[in-house]
Amino acid sequence: MSVFGGDSWAGEAQHRKRRIEDLMLPSSSSSSSSYKQLSNGKYACLICPNNPVLDSPLMLSMHGKGSRHIAAESRLKERELMKQEELKKRIALSNESTDCEGLSLSTRQFKSSSKPLIERTRKAAFETLHHRTHEQNDPSGDAGKMLAEQMMELQNRREKELKFTAAGWKRDCHGKWFRDENVEFDSDEEDPNVCLS
């Protein structure tokens, strides 16, 4: 007589089969995170790139000992190690940058001078600034006057644009001015498209 009642041996056989499967899975070489049991009772390998579906724990165990699975597992471990190394590098760089904030300017310049791109950028910026300063201090005085005129012209233009914006004018994506439909305008107002062109 069956443990499950009645003379039916099917329930007991099903129970034994599940128990054997449960016992075989932990003893297999693959860990529980390397496979997933599907709703139909089959197993899918999560390590292999094509995720093969295997019918039984025995097939899963055999698959875990196969060369393709072992190669995929080693590639996965290698990727994880690379990620950890990258993470360690980023943490080290962030710690270095926070340590660098407390250092003096001369120490920072010494550290950054070992980096060629930063040094070349700094040198180019210095030369450009030196060249502009030299032009402004030119004895002829034309460079300084032109620069002052351009700055005044730019400031006047910005003030006009600000006045038009305050009066209710808006700009479209092409830079053209248009009237805001929610604002009332006088009939004698200037058109910024004509005035600022």
C-alpha atoms as a PDB file:
ATOM      1  CA  MET A   1       0.000   0.000   0.000  1.00  0.00           C
ATOM      2  CA  SER A   2       1.252   3.478  -0.865  1.00  0.00           C
ATOM      3  CA  VAL A   3       2.175   6.185   1.610  1.00  0.00           C
ATOM      4  CA  PHE A   4      -0.117   8.583  -0.271  1.00  0.00           C
ATOM      5  CA  GLY A   5      -3.138   6.379   0.205  1.00  0.00           C
ATOM      6  CA  GLY A   6      -4.652   3.841  -2.078  1.00  0.00           C
ATOM      7  CA  ASP A   7      -2.875   1.406  -4.282  1.00  0.00           C
ATOM      8  CA  SER A   8      -1.583   3.996  -6.700  1.00  0.00           C
ATOM      9  CA  TRP A   9       2.213   3.961  -6.998  1.00  0.00           C
ATOM     10  CA  ALA A  10       2.337   6.950  -9.414  1.00  0.00           C
ATOM     11  CA  GLY A  11       2.338   9.598  -6.659  1.00  0.00           C
ATOM     12  CA  GLU A  12       5.102   7.825  -4.784  1.00  0.00           C
ATOM     13  CA  ALA A  13       7.190   7.450  -7.934  1.00  0.00           C
ATOM     14  CA  GLN A  14       6.751  11.150  -8.677  1.00  0.00           C
ATOM     15  CA  HIS A  15       7.879  12.009  -5.137  1.00  0.00           C
ATOM     16  CA  ARG A  16      10.943   9.759  -5.418  1.00  0.00           C
ATOM     17  CA  LYS A  17      11.858  11.314  -8.759  1.00  0.00           C
ATOM     18  CA  ARG A  18      11.674  14.855  -7.326  1.00  0.00           C
ATOM     19  CA  ARG A  19      13.710  13.805  -4.301  1.00  0.00           C
ATOM     20  CA  ILE A  20      16.418  12.291  -6.500  1.00  0.00           C
ATOM     21  CA  GLU A  21      16.498  15.463  -8.618  1.00  0.00           C
ATOM     22  CA  ASP A  22      16.833  17.604  -5.494  1.00  0.00           C
ATOM     23  CA  LEU A  23      19.697  15.452  -4.256  1.00  0.00           C
ATOM     24  CA  MET A  24      21.508  15.455  -7.610  1.00  0.00           C
ATOM     25  CA  LEU A  25      21.460  19.227  -8.180  1.00  0.00           C
ATOM     26  CA  PRO A  26      23.611  20.338  -5.224  1.00  0.00           C
ATOM     27  CA  SER A  27      26.161  17.602  -5.932  1.00  0.00           C
ATOM     28  CA  SER A  28      26.551  18.730  -9.521  1.00  0.00           C
ATOM     29  CA  SER A  29      29.478  20.963 -10.430  1.00  0.00           C
ATOM     30  CA  SER A  30      27.298  23.922 -11.340  1.00  0.00           C
ATOM     31  CA  SER A  31      26.096  26.264  -8.620  1.00  0.00           C
ATOM     32  CA  SER A  32      22.463  27.244  -8.170  1.00  0.00           C
ATOM     33  CA  SER A  33      23.086  30.648  -9.781  1.00  0.00           C
ATOM     34  CA  SER A  34      24.301  29.015 -12.977  1.00  0.00           C
ATOM     35  CA  TYR A  35      20.942  27.505 -13.884  1.00  0.00           C
ATOM     36  CA  LYS A  36      17.256  28.284 -13.613  1.00  0.00           C
ATOM     37  CA  GLN A  37      14.445  25.810 -13.241  1.00  0.00           C
ATOM     38  CA  LEU A  38      11.668  26.591 -15.670  1.00  0.00           C
ATOM     39  CA  SER A  39       7.956  26.235 -14.948  1.00  0.00           C
ATOM     40  CA  ASN A  40       7.776  23.063 -17.061  1.00  0.00           C
ATOM     41  CA  GLY A  41      10.420  21.366 -14.857  1.00  0.00           C
ATOM     42  CA  LYS A  42      13.288  21.761 -17.312  1.00  0.00           C
ATOM     43  CA  TYR A  43      16.516  23.608 -16.558  1.00  0.00           C
ATOM     44  CA  ALA A  44      18.104  26.488 -18.458  1.00  0.00           C
ATOM     45  CA  CYS A  45      21.843  27.162 -18.233  1.00  0.00           C
ATOM     46  CA  LEU A  46      22.449  30.841 -17.411  1.00  0.00           C
ATOM     47  CA  ILE A  47      26.184  30.805 -18.098  1.00  0.00           C
ATOM     48  CA  CYS A  48      26.301  29.632 -21.696  1.00  0.00           C
ATOM     49  CA  PRO A  49      25.557  32.352 -24.270  1.00  0.00           C
ATOM     50  CA  ASN A  50      22.763  30.420 -26.007  1.00  0.00           C
ATOM     51  CA  ASN A  51      21.104  29.374 -22.677  1.00  0.00           C
ATOM     52  CA  PRO A  52      20.461  25.706 -23.555  1.00  0.00           C
ATOM     53  CA  VAL A  53      17.364  24.088 -22.041  1.00  0.00           C
ATOM     54  CA  LEU A  54      18.036  20.702 -20.435  1.00  0.00           C
ATOM     55  CA  ASP A  55      15.397  18.120 -19.600  1.00  0.00           C
ATOM     56  CA  SER A  56      16.704  16.633 -16.371  1.00  0.00           C
ATOM     57  CA  PRO A  57      19.185  17.241 -13.564  1.00  0.00           C
ATOM     58  CA  LEU A  58      21.334  14.464 -15.019  1.00  0.00           C
ATOM     59  CA  MET A  59      21.575  16.299 -18.341  1.00  0.00           C
ATOM     60  CA  LEU A  60      22.299  19.530 -16.450  1.00  0.00           C
ATOM     61  CA  SER A  61      25.089  17.780 -14.588  1.00  0.00           C
ATOM     62  CA  MET A  62      26.539  16.398 -17.836  1.00  0.00           C
ATOM     63  CA  HIS A  63      26.275  19.828 -19.474  1.00  0.00           C
ATOM     64  CA  GLY A  64      28.154  21.391 -16.535  1.00  0.00           C
ATOM     65  CA  LYS A  65      31.099  19.074 -17.175  1.00  0.00           C
ATOM     66  CA  GLY A  66      31.216  19.888 -20.895  1.00  0.00           C
ATOM     67  CA  SER A  67      34.023  21.919 -22.473  1.00  0.00           C
ATOM     68  CA  ARG A  68      31.743  24.634 -23.880  1.00  0.00           C
ATOM     69  CA  HIS A  69      30.154  25.256 -20.490  1.00  0.00           C
ATOM     70  CA  ILE A  70      33.534  25.319 -18.749  1.00  0.00           C
ATOM     71  CA  ALA A  71      34.871  27.788 -21.335  1.00  0.00           C
ATOM     72  CA  ALA A  72      31.816  30.023 -20.921  1.00  0.00           C
ATOM     73  CA  GLU A  73      32.186  29.839 -17.142  1.00  0.00           C
ATOM     74  CA  SER A  74      35.852  30.877 -17.323  1.00  0.00           C
ATOM     75  CA  ARG A  75      34.980  33.812 -19.623  1.00  0.00           C
ATOM     76  CA  LEU A  76      32.312  34.901 -17.150  1.00  0.00           C
ATOM     77  CA  LYS A  77      34.776  34.733 -14.238  1.00  0.00           C
ATOM     78  CA  GLU A  78      37.321  36.686 -16.275  1.00  0.00           C
ATOM     79  CA  ARG A  79      34.744  39.413 -16.996  1.00  0.00           C
ATOM     80  CA  GLU A  80      33.849  39.611 -13.314  1.00  0.00           C
ATOM     81  CA  LEU A  81      37.527  39.982 -12.386  1.00  0.00           C
ATOM     82  CA  MET A  82      37.943  42.739 -14.989  1.00  0.00           C
ATOM     83  CA  LYS A  83      34.903  44.551 -13.580  1.00  0.00           C
ATOM     84  CA  GLN A  84      36.312  44.318 -10.068  1.00  0.00           C
ATOM     85  CA  GLU A  85      39.692  45.623 -11.242  1.00  0.00           C
ATOM     86  CA  GLU A  86      38.007  48.521 -13.050  1.00  0.00           C
ATOM     87  CA  LEU A  87      36.004  49.308  -9.933  1.00  0.00           C
ATOM     88  CA  LYS A  88      39.165  49.286  -7.817  1.00  0.00           C
ATOM     89  CA  LYS A  89      40.876  51.638 -10.292  1.00  0.00           C
ATOM     90  CA  ARG A  90      37.942  54.062 -10.245  1.00  0.00           C
ATOM     91  CA  ILE A  91      37.839  54.064  -6.457  1.00  0.00           C
ATOM     92  CA  ALA A  92      41.580  54.693  -6.337  1.00  0.00           C
ATOM     93  CA  LEU A  93      41.253  57.577  -8.824  1.00  0.00           C
ATOM     94  CA  SER A  94      38.371  59.130  -6.906  1.00  0.00           C
ATOM     95  CA  ASN A  95      40.342  58.862  -3.659  1.00  0.00           C
ATOM     96  CA  GLU A  96      43.327  60.451  -5.384  1.00  0.00           C
ATOM     97  CA  SER A  97      41.208  63.338  -6.667  1.00  0.00           C
ATOM     98  CA  THR A  98      39.745  64.019  -3.220  1.00  0.00           C
ATOM     99  CA  ASP A  99      43.246  63.896  -1.731  1.00  0.00           C
ATOM    100  CA  CYS A 100      44.413  66.302  -4.435  1.00  0.00           C
ATOM    101  CA  GLU A 101      41.859  68.950  -3.402  1.00  0.00           C
ATOM    102  CA  GLY A 102      43.677  69.516  -0.125  1.00  0.00           C
ATOM    103  CA  LEU A 103      47.097  69.890  -1.731  1.00  0.00           C
ATOM    104  CA  SER A 104      48.702  73.232  -2.516  1.00  0.00           C
ATOM    105  CA  LEU A 105      48.695  74.706  -6.021  1.00  0.00           C
ATOM    106  CA  SER A 106      52.355  73.951  -6.625  1.00  0.00           C
ATOM    107  CA  THR A 107      51.884  70.305  -5.715  1.00  0.00           C
ATOM    108  CA  ARG A 108      48.894  70.061  -8.057  1.00  0.00           C
ATOM    109  CA  GLN A 109      50.920  71.596 -10.875  1.00  0.00           C
ATOM    110  CA  PHE A 110      53.706  69.107 -10.215  1.00  0.00           C
ATOM    111  CA  LYS A 111      51.260  66.163 -10.325  1.00  0.00           C
ATOM    112  CA  SER A 112      49.547  67.389 -13.488  1.00  0.00           C
ATOM    113  CA  SER A 113      52.817  68.233 -15.231  1.00  0.00           C
ATOM    114  CA  SER A 114      53.430  64.523 -15.620  1.00  0.00           C
ATOM    115  CA  LYS A 115      50.326  64.364 -17.807  1.00  0.00           C
ATOM    116  CA  PRO A 116      51.264  65.565 -21.330  1.00  0.00           C
ATOM    117  CA  LEU A 117      47.784  66.514 -22.584  1.00  0.00           C
ATOM    118  CA  ILE A 118      47.071  68.671 -19.552  1.00  0.00           C
ATOM    119  CA  GLU A 119      50.479  70.304 -19.871  1.00  0.00           C
ATOM    120  CA  ARG A 120      50.009  71.062 -23.578  1.00  0.00           C
ATOM    121  CA  THR A 121      46.535  72.506 -22.915  1.00  0.00           C
ATOM    122  CA  ARG A 122      47.860  74.684 -20.114  1.00  0.00           C
ATOM    123  CA  LYS A 123      50.731  75.902 -22.325  1.00  0.00           C
ATOM    124  CA  ALA A 124      48.382  76.726 -25.238  1.00  0.00           C
ATOM    125  CA  ALA A 125      46.030  78.645 -22.945  1.00  0.00           C
ATOM    126  CA  PHE A 126      48.953  80.586 -21.475  1.00  0.00           C
ATOM    127  CA  GLU A 127      50.280  81.508 -24.935  1.00  0.00           C
ATOM    128  CA  THR A 128      46.841  82.633 -26.115  1.00  0.00           C
ATOM    129  CA  LEU A 129      46.305  84.742 -23.020  1.00  0.00           C
ATOM    130  CA  HIS A 130      49.814  86.203 -23.318  1.00  0.00           C
ATOM    131  CA  HIS A 131      49.204  87.016 -27.006  1.00  0.00           C
ATOM    132  CA  ARG A 132      45.904  88.817 -26.237  1.00  0.00           C
ATOM    133  CA  THR A 133      47.468  90.767 -23.399  1.00  0.00           C
ATOM    134  CA  HIS A 134      50.317  91.779 -25.683  1.00  0.00           C
ATOM    135  CA  GLU A 135      47.840  92.977 -28.352  1.00  0.00           C
ATOM    136  CA  GLN A 136      45.901  95.052 -25.789  1.00  0.00           C
ATOM    137  CA  ASN A 137      49.113  96.682 -24.562  1.00  0.00           C
ATOM    138  CA  ASP A 138      50.251  97.434 -28.113  1.00  0.00           C
ATOM    139  CA  PRO A 139      51.725 100.965 -28.328  1.00  0.00           C
ATOM    140  CA  SER A 140      49.631 101.811 -31.397  1.00  0.00           C
ATOM    141  CA  GLY A 141      46.469 101.547 -29.274  1.00  0.00           C
ATOM    142  CA  ASP A 142      44.307 100.230 -32.175  1.00  0.00           C
ATOM    143  CA  ALA A 143      43.895  96.700 -30.670  1.00  0.00           C
ATOM    144  CA  GLY A 144      42.607  98.077 -27.300  1.00  0.00           C
ATOM    145  CA  LYS A 145      40.201 100.532 -28.996  1.00  0.00           C
ATOM    146  CA  MET A 146      38.756  97.863 -31.264  1.00  0.00           C
ATOM    147  CA  LEU A 147      38.243  95.498 -28.358  1.00  0.00           C
ATOM    148  CA  ALA A 148      36.547  98.195 -26.273  1.00  0.00           C
ATOM    149  CA  GLU A 149      34.265  99.096 -29.195  1.00  0.00           C
ATOM    150  CA  GLN A 150      33.315  95.468 -29.726  1.00  0.00           C
ATOM    151  CA  MET A 151      32.542  95.016 -26.039  1.00  0.00           C
ATOM    152  CA  MET A 152      30.345  98.161 -25.999  1.00  0.00           C
ATOM    153  CA  GLU A 153      28.530  97.023 -29.141  1.00  0.00           C
ATOM    154  CA  LEU A 154      27.895  93.592 -27.641  1.00  0.00           C
ATOM    155  CA  GLN A 155      26.631  95.110 -24.392  1.00  0.00           C
ATOM    156  CA  ASN A 156      24.254  97.470 -26.258  1.00  0.00           C
ATOM    157  CA  ARG A 157      22.892  94.559 -28.308  1.00  0.00           C
ATOM    158  CA  ARG A 158      22.287  92.480 -25.170  1.00  0.00           C
ATOM    159  CA  GLU A 159      20.449  95.386 -23.528  1.00  0.00           C
ATOM    160  CA  LYS A 160      18.198  95.795 -26.593  1.00  0.00           C
ATOM    161  CA  GLU A 161      17.464  92.047 -26.652  1.00  0.00           C
ATOM    162  CA  LEU A 162      16.601  92.155 -22.957  1.00  0.00           C
ATOM    163  CA  LYS A 163      14.200  95.075 -23.517  1.00  0.00           C
ATOM    164  CA  PHE A 164      12.427  93.237 -26.346  1.00  0.00           C
ATOM    165  CA  THR A 165      12.143  90.094 -24.204  1.00  0.00           C
ATOM    166  CA  ALA A 166      10.683  92.128 -21.342  1.00  0.00           C
ATOM    167  CA  ALA A 167       8.194  93.732 -23.767  1.00  0.00           C
ATOM    168  CA  GLY A 168       6.804  90.292 -24.702  1.00  0.00           C
ATOM    169  CA  TRP A 169       8.823  89.286 -27.746  1.00  0.00           C
ATOM    170  CA  LYS A 170      10.079  85.692 -28.057  1.00  0.00           C
ATOM    171  CA  ARG A 171      12.564  83.895 -30.284  1.00  0.00           C
ATOM    172  CA  ASP A 172      11.876  80.823 -32.378  1.00  0.00           C
ATOM    173  CA  CYS A 173      14.357  78.034 -33.031  1.00  0.00           C
ATOM    174  CA  HIS A 174      15.842  79.941 -35.997  1.00  0.00           C
ATOM    175  CA  GLY A 175      16.585  83.086 -33.987  1.00  0.00           C
ATOM    176  CA  LYS A 176      13.706  85.109 -35.447  1.00  0.00           C
ATOM    177  CA  TRP A 177      11.630  87.258 -33.104  1.00  0.00           C
ATOM    178  CA  PHE A 178       7.848  86.830 -32.813  1.00  0.00           C
ATOM    179  CA  ARG A 179       5.143  88.330 -30.605  1.00  0.00           C
ATOM    180  CA  ASP A 180       3.813  86.377 -27.649  1.00  0.00           C
ATOM    181  CA  GLU A 181       0.068  85.882 -28.183  1.00  0.00           C
ATOM    182  CA  ASN A 182      -0.610  86.384 -24.448  1.00  0.00           C
ATOM    183  CA  VAL A 183       0.865  89.923 -24.391  1.00  0.00           C
ATOM    184  CA  GLU A 184      -0.735  93.153 -25.676  1.00  0.00           C
ATOM    185  CA  PHE A 185       1.460  95.282 -27.936  1.00  0.00           C
ATOM    186  CA  ASP A 186       1.313  98.921 -28.985  1.00  0.00           C
ATOM    187  CA  SER A 187       0.977  99.533 -32.695  1.00  0.00           C
ATOM    188  CA  ASP A 188       4.046 101.796 -32.785  1.00  0.00           C
ATOM    189  CA  GLU A 189       6.510  99.316 -31.237  1.00  0.00           C
ATOM    190  CA  GLU A 190       9.707  98.480 -33.054  1.00  0.00           C
ATOM    191  CA  ASP A 191      10.202  95.102 -34.676  1.00  0.00           C
ATOM    192  CA  PRO A 192      13.317  93.424 -33.217  1.00  0.00           C
ATOM    193  CA  ASN A 193      13.900  91.528 -36.496  1.00  0.00           C
ATOM    194  CA  VAL A 194      14.502  94.896 -38.197  1.00  0.00           C
ATOM    195  CA  CYS A 195      16.121  96.719 -35.269  1.00  0.00           C
ATOM    196  CA  LEU A 196      18.675  93.997 -34.348  1.00  0.00           C
ATOM    197  CA  SER A 197      19.550  92.765 -37.838  1.00  0.00           C
END
